[in-house]
Amino acid sequence: MRGIRGRVVGTYLIITFLSVVIFEIILIYGLVEFYYSSIEAELSRSAQSIIHNYSQYFNNYDLHRDAKVLLESMPGNTVAQVQIIDDKGVLIADSIEPSMEGKKLDNYDVNMALNGKEAAWKGKIPMTGEPVFSVSFPIIRPDSEEVIGIVRVITTLSDVNEILKNHIIILISLGLCIVFLIFLTGLALTNTIIKPVKEITSAAKAMAQGRFDVRVSKRYDDEIGELGDTLNYMAQEVANHQKMKNDFIASISHELRTPLTSIMGWIITINSGDIDSKEELKEGLDIIERESKRLAELVDELLDFSKFDAGIITLRKSVVNLGELLKYIKRQMEPRAERKGITMTIDVDEHLPLIEADENRLKQVFINIIDNSFKFTQKGGYIDIIGRKNENGVLIRIEDSGCGIPEEDLPRVKQRFFKGSNVVSGSGLGLAICDEIVRLHNGKIDIESTVGKGTRVDVILPV
C-alpha cells in the first residue's frame, strides 16, 4: 500500500504490534513468575514441614539413621521427589530414586543450603533432559547452629511448561487477532479519508480542464468536508470570474466596435465627397474626434488594468492638496452637468490636510467615480462632492441621486470585469482600477447604495 492509506495503516500496525508485543512479554513474564513462584512456595512448605517433623520427633540428629524414617513420615499427598542429604552433600535417602543414594550432589541449591541458606534451582536432569525445579532447606541443629543436613524437594516442570506453552499460544493468537482487527480498522478509517480525497482530486483535475460545473459531495463535517466546500467555492468563483471575463470580452468588443463604426462611417462619407457643407464636415470631424477619444480612454483602461494585474504599476507621489484637486475636477465636469441638467455641488473643508499621493492617479479615481454618477443620474438629479478630515485620515465622499445599485450587485461592483444589471456602457474595469489605486495608497473605497435613491462612494485616504 502506498500513499495516505499505507502511512496510516502502517503507523497503526507498528504502534499496535509494538504495544501487543510489549504487553504480551510483560504478561508472559508475569505468568511464568506466578507459576514458578507458586511451585517454589509449595515445595518450600513441603521442605519446612519435613524439617519441622524432624525437629519435633527426632532428637539425636543422626540423619543417616533417621533419613528413611523421615521420608516415611511425609504427608500422603506429597507428590514431589524428596531427598535427604548429609552435611557433606551426599544423598542418603531419595523418595523416588533410591539408586542415586550415596552420590554427592553439586547443585546450586544444595551448595547454598550447606552454607545455611535456603535456595531454589531450576534446570534439567542431565540423563533425561527433563526440566525440574528444586528447593533446598538446611537442617540446623538448634543447640549449635550447625548444618547437619539438607531437605531437598524436587518437582518436574513438564506439566507446568506445557500449561505455560498453551497460555503463550493463546496470548500470541489473541495478539495476532488484535493486530488483524486494528489492520481492518485502519483500512476502514483510511477509506473515510481516501474516498473523499480521491473525489476531491478527481474534481480538481476536472476543474483544471475547465469543467467548473463539477462539485464535490460533502460526506463528513470535518477538515476533509471543509476542503471540499472550499474547492466548490473556488470552482463557483472561478466560474463567475470566467463568465465576467467572457462578458467583458463581449462588452469591450462592442465598446470598441461602436466608435470604430462611427469613425469608419464618417471617414467613408468624407472620402466619397458626398458632404455638401462645411457644417456637415465639421460635425463629422467632431464625431471622429469624440469617438477617437473614447477609444483612447478604453485602451488606457485596458493598459492600466494589465499593469495593475501584473503588479508593475508605479506611483509618482508628491504632496497633494485634495481640496484644490476636487475643485479642479468639478470645474472640468461642470459643462457636462449643465448639458445633462444635473446639479453639481462641492463642499470641502478649507483646512483639509495635505497628503502624499500620486495626483494623476487620484484624479483618475475621482473622475471615474463621478463619471459613473453621470451615467446613472437622470436630469434634475444631483452629484455632491464632499471632503472631510476624519480619525482615519481624509474622507472624500461622492454622492448622487441616481438609480442606485441592486443589493446583490454591491459586493461585486469593485471586481474586475463586473458589469451590473443597470450598466449602460463601459469596460467593467473602472471601479476595479480605482479600488487598486486607492489600495496602493493604503486607503479603501466603501460603497453604499439604495435602488431608486442613489449611491454614496467614500474614498478614505491616510494622511
Protein backbone atom coordinates (compact mmCIF):
# COMPACT_ATOMS: atom_id res chain seq x y z
CA MET A 1 0.00 0.00 0.00
CA ARG A 2 1.20 3.48 -0.89
CA GLY A 3 0.13 6.99 -0.06
CA ILE A 4 -2.01 8.03 2.88
CA ARG A 5 -3.56 4.56 3.31
CA GLY A 6 -0.14 2.92 3.58
CA ARG A 7 1.17 5.51 6.04
CA VAL A 8 -1.91 5.46 8.28
CA VAL A 9 -2.36 1.67 8.29
CA GLY A 10 1.39 1.13 8.65
CA THR A 11 1.55 3.51 11.60
CA TYR A 12 -1.45 1.82 13.22
CA LEU A 13 0.10 -1.62 12.71
CA ILE A 14 3.53 -0.64 14.04
CA ILE A 15 2.10 1.03 17.15
CA THR A 16 -0.36 -1.82 17.76
CA PHE A 17 2.23 -4.53 17.12
CA LEU A 18 4.77 -2.96 19.46
CA SER A 19 2.10 -2.40 22.11
CA VAL A 20 0.86 -6.00 21.84
CA VAL A 21 4.41 -7.40 21.92
CA ILE A 22 5.35 -5.35 24.99
CA PHE A 23 2.08 -6.21 26.74
CA GLU A 24 2.42 -9.92 25.97
CA ILE A 25 6.05 -10.02 27.08
CA ILE A 26 5.03 -8.47 30.40
CA LEU A 27 2.03 -10.81 30.70
CA ILE A 28 4.00 -13.94 29.81
CA TYR A 29 6.76 -12.94 32.22
CA GLY A 30 4.13 -12.44 34.91
CA LEU A 31 2.55 -15.84 34.19
CA VAL A 32 5.90 -17.62 34.34
CA GLU A 33 6.78 -15.85 37.57
CA PHE A 34 3.37 -16.69 39.04
CA TYR A 35 3.59 -20.40 38.24
CA TYR A 36 7.22 -20.75 39.30
CA SER A 37 6.62 -18.75 42.47
CA SER A 38 3.64 -20.97 43.29
CA ILE A 39 5.76 -24.09 42.74
CA GLU A 40 8.56 -22.69 44.88
CA ALA A 41 6.12 -21.80 47.66
CA GLU A 42 4.57 -25.30 47.58
CA LEU A 43 7.96 -27.02 47.60
CA SER A 44 9.16 -24.74 50.40
CA ARG A 45 6.12 -25.64 52.52
CA SER A 46 6.84 -29.35 52.00
CA ALA A 47 10.51 -28.96 52.96
CA GLN A 48 9.67 -26.87 56.01
CA SER A 49 7.05 -29.45 57.09
CA ILE A 50 9.63 -32.25 56.90
CA ILE A 51 12.19 -30.21 58.89
CA HIS A 52 9.50 -29.35 61.46
CA ASN A 53 8.60 -33.04 61.88
CA TYR A 54 12.25 -33.94 62.25
CA SER A 55 12.78 -31.31 64.94
CA GLN A 56 9.64 -32.46 66.79
CA TYR A 57 10.11 -36.21 66.81
CA PHE A 58 13.83 -36.86 66.37
CA ASN A 59 16.28 -35.63 68.99
CA ASN A 60 19.53 -37.47 68.29
CA TYR A 61 20.13 -35.67 64.96
CA ASP A 62 21.55 -38.77 63.28
CA LEU A 63 20.41 -38.31 59.68
CA HIS A 64 21.99 -41.50 58.38
CA ARG A 65 19.82 -43.49 60.78
CA ASP A 66 16.71 -41.31 60.64
CA ALA A 67 16.57 -40.48 56.89
CA LYS A 68 14.41 -43.42 55.80
CA VAL A 69 12.03 -42.96 58.70
CA LEU A 70 11.88 -39.25 57.90
CA LEU A 71 10.81 -39.96 54.30
CA GLU A 72 8.13 -42.33 55.53
CA SER A 73 6.75 -39.58 57.77
CA MET A 74 5.96 -37.33 54.78
CA PRO A 75 2.30 -36.39 54.22
CA GLY A 76 0.46 -38.76 51.91
CA ASN A 77 -0.40 -36.04 49.41
CA THR A 78 3.25 -35.21 48.70
CA VAL A 79 3.88 -35.94 45.01
CA ALA A 80 7.28 -34.26 44.75
CA GLN A 81 10.59 -36.07 44.97
CA VAL A 82 12.20 -35.64 48.41
CA GLN A 83 15.90 -36.07 49.06
CA ILE A 84 17.74 -36.15 52.38
CA ILE A 85 21.35 -35.00 52.05
CA ASP A 86 24.04 -35.07 54.75
CA ASP A 87 26.37 -32.25 55.70
CA LYS A 88 28.89 -33.36 53.04
CA GLY A 89 26.40 -33.08 50.18
CA VAL A 90 25.97 -36.84 49.87
CA LEU A 91 22.49 -38.14 49.09
CA ILE A 92 21.47 -40.54 51.87
CA ALA A 93 17.77 -41.01 51.06
CA ASP A 94 15.57 -40.46 47.97
CA SER A 95 11.80 -40.93 47.88
CA ILE A 96 11.70 -41.81 44.16
CA GLU A 97 15.19 -42.90 43.00
CA PRO A 98 16.91 -44.88 45.80
CA SER A 99 19.55 -45.93 43.25
CA MET A 100 21.07 -42.46 43.47
CA GLU A 101 21.73 -42.76 47.21
CA GLY A 102 25.39 -42.39 48.12
CA LYS A 103 26.12 -39.93 45.31
CA LYS A 104 27.47 -36.48 46.06
CA LEU A 105 25.27 -33.70 44.71
CA ASP A 106 26.80 -30.46 43.43
CA ASN A 107 23.77 -28.35 42.52
CA TYR A 108 23.45 -24.65 43.25
CA ASP A 109 20.65 -25.00 45.78
CA VAL A 110 22.49 -27.84 47.59
CA ASN A 111 25.68 -25.80 47.93
CA MET A 112 23.74 -22.80 49.21
CA ALA A 113 21.90 -24.95 51.77
CA LEU A 114 25.21 -26.42 53.01
CA ASN A 115 26.14 -22.82 53.83
CA GLY A 116 22.96 -22.44 55.87
CA LYS A 117 20.86 -20.61 53.25
CA GLU A 118 17.57 -21.59 51.67
CA ALA A 119 17.83 -21.77 47.88
CA ALA A 120 15.95 -22.74 44.73
CA TRP A 121 17.22 -24.12 41.45
CA LYS A 122 15.70 -24.62 38.03
CA GLY A 123 17.36 -26.81 35.46
CA LYS A 124 17.34 -30.14 33.63
CA ILE A 125 18.19 -33.67 34.64
CA PRO A 126 21.42 -34.50 32.75
CA MET A 127 20.41 -38.04 31.81
CA THR A 128 16.87 -37.34 30.54
CA GLY A 129 16.83 -33.61 29.89
CA GLU A 130 13.62 -33.30 31.87
CA PRO A 131 13.08 -29.79 33.31
CA VAL A 132 12.87 -29.73 37.11
CA PHE A 133 12.52 -27.23 39.93
CA SER A 134 14.05 -27.85 43.35
CA VAL A 135 14.32 -26.11 46.71
CA SER A 136 16.85 -26.97 49.40
CA PHE A 137 16.47 -26.11 53.09
CA PRO A 138 19.27 -26.66 55.63
CA ILE A 139 18.60 -28.79 58.75
CA ILE A 140 20.21 -26.81 61.55
CA ARG A 141 20.95 -28.23 64.99
CA PRO A 142 19.33 -25.82 67.48
CA ASP A 143 21.98 -26.09 70.17
CA SER A 144 24.96 -25.33 67.93
CA GLU A 145 23.54 -23.68 64.78
CA GLU A 146 25.40 -26.39 62.85
CA VAL A 147 24.13 -27.58 59.45
CA ILE A 148 23.71 -31.34 59.85
CA GLY A 149 21.95 -31.98 56.54
CA ILE A 150 19.58 -30.80 53.84
CA VAL A 151 16.00 -31.48 52.85
CA ARG A 152 15.65 -31.12 49.10
CA VAL A 153 12.25 -31.21 47.37
CA ILE A 154 12.13 -31.60 43.57
CA THR A 155 9.26 -31.50 41.09
CA THR A 156 9.08 -31.79 37.33
CA LEU A 157 8.28 -28.68 35.25
CA SER A 158 7.00 -30.60 32.24
CA ASP A 159 3.33 -30.15 33.12
CA VAL A 160 3.77 -26.51 34.13
CA ASN A 161 5.76 -25.74 30.98
CA GLU A 162 3.02 -27.35 28.89
CA ILE A 163 0.42 -25.16 30.60
CA LEU A 164 2.59 -22.08 30.05
CA LYS A 165 3.09 -23.08 26.43
CA ASN A 166 -0.69 -23.27 25.90
CA HIS A 167 -1.16 -19.91 27.62
CA ILE A 168 1.55 -18.35 25.43
CA ILE A 169 -0.05 -19.76 22.26
CA ILE A 170 -3.42 -18.33 23.33
CA LEU A 171 -1.87 -14.93 24.11
CA ILE A 172 0.00 -14.81 20.80
CA SER A 173 -3.19 -15.79 18.94
CA LEU A 174 -5.12 -13.05 20.73
CA GLY A 175 -2.35 -10.58 19.92
CA LEU A 176 -2.45 -11.52 16.23
CA CYS A 177 -6.25 -11.16 16.25
CA ILE A 178 -5.91 -7.70 17.81
CA VAL A 179 -3.33 -6.68 15.19
CA PHE A 180 -5.60 -8.00 12.42
CA LEU A 181 -8.61 -6.14 13.84
CA ILE A 182 -6.55 -2.95 14.04
CA PHE A 183 -5.47 -3.55 10.43
CA LEU A 184 -9.13 -3.79 9.36
CA THR A 185 -9.99 -0.74 11.46
CA GLY A 186 -7.13 1.19 9.87
CA LEU A 187 -8.36 0.25 6.40
CA ALA A 188 -11.90 1.32 7.26
CA LEU A 189 -10.64 4.58 8.75
CA THR A 190 -8.40 5.40 5.81
CA ASN A 191 -11.27 4.70 3.42
CA THR A 192 -13.21 7.52 5.09
CA ILE A 193 -10.26 9.77 4.20
CA ILE A 194 -9.11 8.28 0.90
CA LYS A 195 -12.51 8.24 -0.85
CA PRO A 196 -13.24 11.96 -0.26
CA VAL A 197 -9.62 12.84 -1.15
CA LYS A 198 -9.88 10.86 -4.40
CA GLU A 199 -13.17 12.58 -5.18
CA ILE A 200 -11.59 15.97 -4.45
CA THR A 201 -8.58 15.08 -6.63
CA SER A 202 -10.85 13.99 -9.48
CA ALA A 203 -12.91 17.17 -9.17
CA ALA A 204 -9.75 19.31 -9.10
CA LYS A 205 -8.48 17.63 -12.30
CA ALA A 206 -11.84 18.24 -13.97
CA MET A 207 -11.74 21.89 -12.89
CA ALA A 208 -8.19 22.17 -14.24
CA GLN A 209 -9.65 21.13 -17.62
CA GLY A 210 -12.22 23.92 -17.43
CA ARG A 211 -15.20 21.93 -16.12
CA PHE A 212 -16.24 24.30 -13.35
CA ASP A 213 -19.69 22.71 -13.03
CA VAL A 214 -18.17 19.72 -11.18
CA ARG A 215 -18.88 19.69 -7.44
CA VAL A 216 -17.53 17.66 -4.51
CA SER A 217 -20.13 15.95 -2.32
CA LYS A 218 -19.71 16.56 1.41
CA ARG A 219 -19.50 13.23 3.28
CA TYR A 220 -18.33 14.38 6.69
CA ASP A 221 -18.45 17.64 8.61
CA ASP A 222 -14.70 17.74 9.23
CA GLU A 223 -11.49 19.12 7.69
CA ILE A 224 -11.99 17.00 4.55
CA GLY A 225 -15.54 18.29 4.25
CA GLU A 226 -14.28 21.84 4.71
CA LEU A 227 -11.70 21.25 1.96
CA GLY A 228 -14.47 20.04 -0.35
CA ASP A 229 -16.57 23.12 0.45
CA THR A 230 -13.57 25.35 -0.26
CA LEU A 231 -12.96 23.64 -3.61
CA ASN A 232 -16.64 24.02 -4.53
CA TYR A 233 -16.49 27.68 -3.55
CA MET A 234 -13.33 28.16 -5.61
CA ALA A 235 -14.97 26.49 -8.62
CA GLN A 236 -18.01 28.74 -8.29
CA GLU A 237 -15.85 31.85 -8.01
CA VAL A 238 -13.69 30.81 -10.96
CA ALA A 239 -16.84 30.10 -12.99
CA ASN A 240 -18.22 33.51 -12.06
CA HIS A 241 -14.89 35.12 -12.91
CA GLN A 242 -14.80 33.24 -16.21
CA LYS A 243 -18.32 34.41 -17.01
CA MET A 244 -17.44 38.00 -16.11
CA LYS A 245 -14.33 37.77 -18.29
CA ASN A 246 -16.36 36.43 -21.22
CA ASP A 247 -18.97 39.13 -20.68
CA PHE A 248 -16.14 41.66 -20.51
CA ILE A 249 -14.69 40.46 -23.81
CA ALA A 250 -18.10 40.69 -25.45
CA SER A 251 -18.71 44.10 -23.88
CA ILE A 252 -15.30 45.55 -24.71
CA SER A 253 -15.64 44.25 -28.26
CA HIS A 254 -18.93 46.09 -28.51
CA GLU A 255 -17.46 49.20 -26.87
CA LEU A 256 -14.58 49.20 -29.36
CA ARG A 257 -16.76 48.39 -32.35
CA THR A 258 -19.28 51.20 -31.74
CA PRO A 259 -16.83 54.15 -32.00
CA LEU A 260 -14.94 52.38 -34.78
CA THR A 261 -18.18 52.03 -36.75
CA SER A 262 -18.90 55.75 -36.35
CA ILE A 263 -15.34 56.70 -37.29
CA MET A 264 -15.27 54.40 -40.32
CA GLY A 265 -18.71 55.61 -41.43
CA TRP A 266 -17.72 59.27 -41.39
CA ILE A 267 -14.34 58.57 -42.99
CA ILE A 268 -16.06 56.77 -45.86
CA THR A 269 -18.56 59.62 -46.17
CA ILE A 270 -15.81 62.27 -46.21
CA ASN A 271 -13.72 60.31 -48.72
CA SER A 272 -16.71 59.83 -51.02
CA GLY A 273 -17.11 63.61 -51.39
CA ASP A 274 -20.83 63.46 -50.59
CA ILE A 275 -20.61 66.22 -47.96
CA ASP A 276 -22.16 69.43 -49.23
CA SER A 277 -21.45 71.87 -46.43
CA LYS A 278 -18.72 72.84 -44.03
CA GLU A 279 -21.13 72.41 -41.12
CA GLU A 280 -21.73 68.78 -42.03
CA LEU A 281 -17.98 68.24 -42.46
CA LYS A 282 -17.28 69.83 -39.06
CA GLU A 283 -19.95 67.62 -37.46
CA GLY A 284 -18.33 64.53 -38.95
CA LEU A 285 -14.87 65.55 -37.77
CA ASP A 286 -16.23 66.30 -34.27
CA ILE A 287 -17.75 62.81 -34.11
CA ILE A 288 -14.48 61.27 -35.28
CA GLU A 289 -12.61 63.24 -32.57
CA ARG A 290 -15.05 62.26 -29.79
CA GLU A 291 -15.09 58.59 -30.75
CA SER A 292 -11.28 58.58 -31.07
CA LYS A 293 -11.02 59.97 -27.53
CA ARG A 294 -13.47 57.33 -26.36
CA LEU A 295 -11.31 54.64 -27.97
CA ALA A 296 -8.21 56.10 -26.33
CA GLU A 297 -9.92 56.02 -22.92
CA LEU A 298 -10.86 52.36 -23.39
CA VAL A 299 -7.32 51.49 -24.42
CA ASP A 300 -5.93 53.42 -21.43
CA GLU A 301 -8.21 51.45 -19.11
CA LEU A 302 -7.03 48.18 -20.62
CA LEU A 303 -3.39 49.24 -20.27
CA ASP A 304 -3.95 50.29 -16.66
CA PHE A 305 -5.65 47.01 -15.91
CA SER A 306 -2.81 44.98 -17.41
CA LYS A 307 -0.26 46.95 -15.37
CA PHE A 308 -2.19 46.51 -12.12
CA ASP A 309 -2.75 42.84 -12.87
CA ALA A 310 0.98 42.33 -13.48
CA GLY A 311 1.90 44.36 -10.39
CA ILE A 312 4.18 46.70 -12.32
CA ILE A 313 2.33 49.96 -11.66
CA THR A 314 4.45 52.73 -10.15
CA LEU A 315 3.04 55.61 -8.14
CA ARG A 316 4.65 59.01 -8.62
CA LYS A 317 3.93 60.51 -5.24
CA SER A 318 4.07 64.17 -4.30
CA VAL A 319 2.34 66.47 -1.83
CA VAL A 320 -1.29 66.78 -2.98
CA ASN A 321 -3.87 69.38 -1.98
CA LEU A 322 -7.08 67.36 -2.24
CA GLY A 323 -9.29 70.44 -1.89
CA GLU A 324 -7.77 72.11 -4.94
CA LEU A 325 -7.80 68.83 -6.88
CA LEU A 326 -11.52 68.28 -6.22
CA LYS A 327 -12.36 71.87 -7.16
CA TYR A 328 -10.42 71.46 -10.42
CA ILE A 329 -12.32 68.25 -11.22
CA LYS A 330 -15.66 69.99 -10.50
CA ARG A 331 -14.81 72.82 -12.90
CA GLN A 332 -13.82 70.23 -15.50
CA MET A 333 -17.13 68.37 -15.09
CA GLU A 334 -19.48 71.39 -14.85
CA PRO A 335 -20.16 71.68 -18.61
CA ARG A 336 -21.26 68.06 -18.68
CA ALA A 337 -23.51 68.61 -15.65
CA GLU A 338 -25.12 71.60 -17.36
CA ARG A 339 -25.74 69.62 -20.55
CA LYS A 340 -27.45 66.81 -18.61
CA GLY A 341 -29.38 69.13 -16.30
CA ILE A 342 -27.69 67.77 -13.16
CA THR A 343 -26.89 69.92 -10.13
CA MET A 344 -23.26 69.51 -9.08
CA THR A 345 -22.01 70.86 -5.72
CA ILE A 346 -18.78 70.71 -3.76
CA ASP A 347 -18.25 71.07 -0.01
CA VAL A 348 -14.63 70.66 1.09
CA ASP A 349 -13.10 71.68 4.42
CA GLU A 350 -10.86 74.71 4.00
CA HIS A 351 -8.14 73.14 6.10
CA LEU A 352 -8.21 69.70 4.56
CA PRO A 353 -4.76 68.20 5.31
CA LEU A 354 -2.23 67.69 2.56
CA ILE A 355 -1.41 64.09 1.67
CA GLU A 356 1.42 62.36 -0.13
CA ALA A 357 -0.03 60.66 -3.19
CA ASP A 358 0.05 60.26 -6.97
CA GLU A 359 -2.10 63.23 -8.04
CA ASN A 360 -2.82 61.97 -11.55
CA ARG A 361 -3.92 58.57 -10.27
CA LEU A 362 -6.21 60.14 -7.65
CA LYS A 363 -7.66 62.40 -10.35
CA GLN A 364 -8.33 59.24 -12.38
CA VAL A 365 -10.16 57.71 -9.38
CA PHE A 366 -12.39 60.72 -8.70
CA ILE A 367 -13.18 61.34 -12.38
CA ASN A 368 -14.10 57.67 -12.84
CA ILE A 369 -16.44 57.70 -9.82
CA ILE A 370 -18.06 61.00 -10.90
CA ASP A 371 -18.36 59.68 -14.46
CA ASN A 372 -20.33 56.70 -13.12
CA SER A 373 -22.59 59.12 -11.25
CA PHE A 374 -23.28 60.98 -14.50
CA LYS A 375 -24.11 57.73 -16.29
CA PHE A 376 -26.77 56.71 -13.77
CA THR A 377 -28.21 60.08 -12.69
CA GLN A 378 -31.15 61.44 -14.64
CA LYS A 379 -31.95 65.05 -15.50
CA GLY A 380 -32.90 67.03 -12.39
CA GLY A 381 -30.70 64.91 -10.14
CA TYR A 382 -27.63 65.93 -8.18
CA ILE A 383 -23.99 64.96 -7.60
CA ASP A 384 -22.34 66.16 -4.37
CA ILE A 385 -18.59 66.16 -3.73
CA ILE A 386 -17.67 66.32 -0.02
CA GLY A 387 -14.23 66.43 1.59
CA ARG A 388 -13.69 65.97 5.32
CA LYS A 389 -10.93 65.09 7.75
CA ASN A 390 -11.72 62.10 9.97
CA GLU A 391 -9.91 59.95 12.52
CA ASN A 392 -8.57 57.64 9.79
CA GLY A 393 -7.24 60.40 7.52
CA VAL A 394 -9.20 62.14 4.76
CA LEU A 395 -12.70 61.20 3.63
CA ILE A 396 -13.81 62.11 0.10
CA ARG A 397 -17.50 61.36 -0.48
CA ILE A 398 -19.19 61.44 -3.88
CA GLU A 399 -22.95 61.12 -3.56
CA ASP A 400 -25.59 61.10 -6.29
CA SER A 401 -29.35 60.68 -6.73
CA GLY A 402 -29.02 58.10 -9.47
CA CYS A 403 -30.86 54.81 -9.98
CA GLY A 404 -28.75 53.01 -7.37
CA ILE A 405 -27.08 49.61 -7.34
CA PRO A 406 -29.03 46.41 -6.56
CA GLU A 407 -28.11 44.91 -3.19
CA GLU A 408 -26.97 41.63 -4.76
CA ASP A 409 -24.50 43.52 -7.01
CA LEU A 410 -22.91 45.65 -4.26
CA PRO A 411 -20.35 43.07 -3.02
CA ARG A 412 -19.01 42.63 -6.57
CA VAL A 413 -19.04 46.10 -8.09
CA LYS A 414 -15.30 46.50 -7.41
CA GLN A 415 -14.41 43.18 -9.02
CA ARG A 416 -12.67 43.24 -12.36
CA PHE A 417 -14.89 42.60 -15.42
CA PHE A 418 -18.07 43.01 -13.36
CA LYS A 419 -20.89 44.90 -15.04
CA GLY A 420 -24.13 45.23 -13.11
CA SER A 421 -27.65 44.82 -14.40
CA ASN A 422 -28.10 48.62 -14.69
CA VAL A 423 -24.89 49.20 -16.65
CA VAL A 424 -25.05 51.43 -19.69
CA SER A 425 -21.61 51.43 -21.28
CA GLY A 426 -18.07 50.85 -20.16
CA SER A 427 -15.44 48.15 -19.80
CA GLY A 428 -16.29 46.89 -16.32
CA LEU A 429 -12.75 47.76 -15.22
CA GLY A 430 -13.19 51.32 -13.95
CA LEU A 431 -14.06 50.64 -10.30
CA ALA A 432 -11.64 47.71 -10.14
CA ILE A 433 -8.82 50.02 -11.24
CA CYS A 434 -9.96 52.74 -8.81
CA ASP A 435 -10.01 50.26 -5.95
CA GLU A 436 -6.49 49.09 -6.81
CA ILE A 437 -5.16 52.68 -6.99
CA VAL A 438 -6.67 53.57 -3.60
CA ARG A 439 -5.36 50.32 -2.11
CA LEU A 440 -1.84 51.19 -3.31
CA HIS A 441 -2.26 54.44 -1.35
CA ASN A 442 -3.12 52.33 1.76
CA GLY A 443 -6.69 53.58 1.57
CA LYS A 444 -10.05 51.99 0.84
CA ILE A 445 -13.30 52.55 -1.05
CA ASP A 446 -16.68 51.99 0.62
CA ILE A 447 -19.87 51.94 -1.44
CA GLU A 448 -23.43 52.26 -0.16
CA SER A 449 -26.42 52.33 -2.47
CA THR A 450 -30.21 52.09 -2.47
CA VAL A 451 -32.11 51.30 -5.64
CA GLY A 452 -34.18 54.31 -6.70
CA LYS A 453 -32.47 56.69 -4.27
CA GLY A 454 -28.83 56.91 -5.23
CA THR A 455 -25.28 55.87 -4.41
CA ARG A 456 -22.65 57.09 -1.97
CA VAL A 457 -18.97 56.32 -2.58
CA ASP A 458 -16.48 57.02 0.23
CA VAL A 459 -12.77 57.21 -0.61
CA ILE A 460 -10.70 57.10 2.59
CA LEU A 461 -7.02 58.04 2.32
CA PRO A 462 -4.40 58.15 5.08
CA VAL A 463 -2.70 61.43 5.90
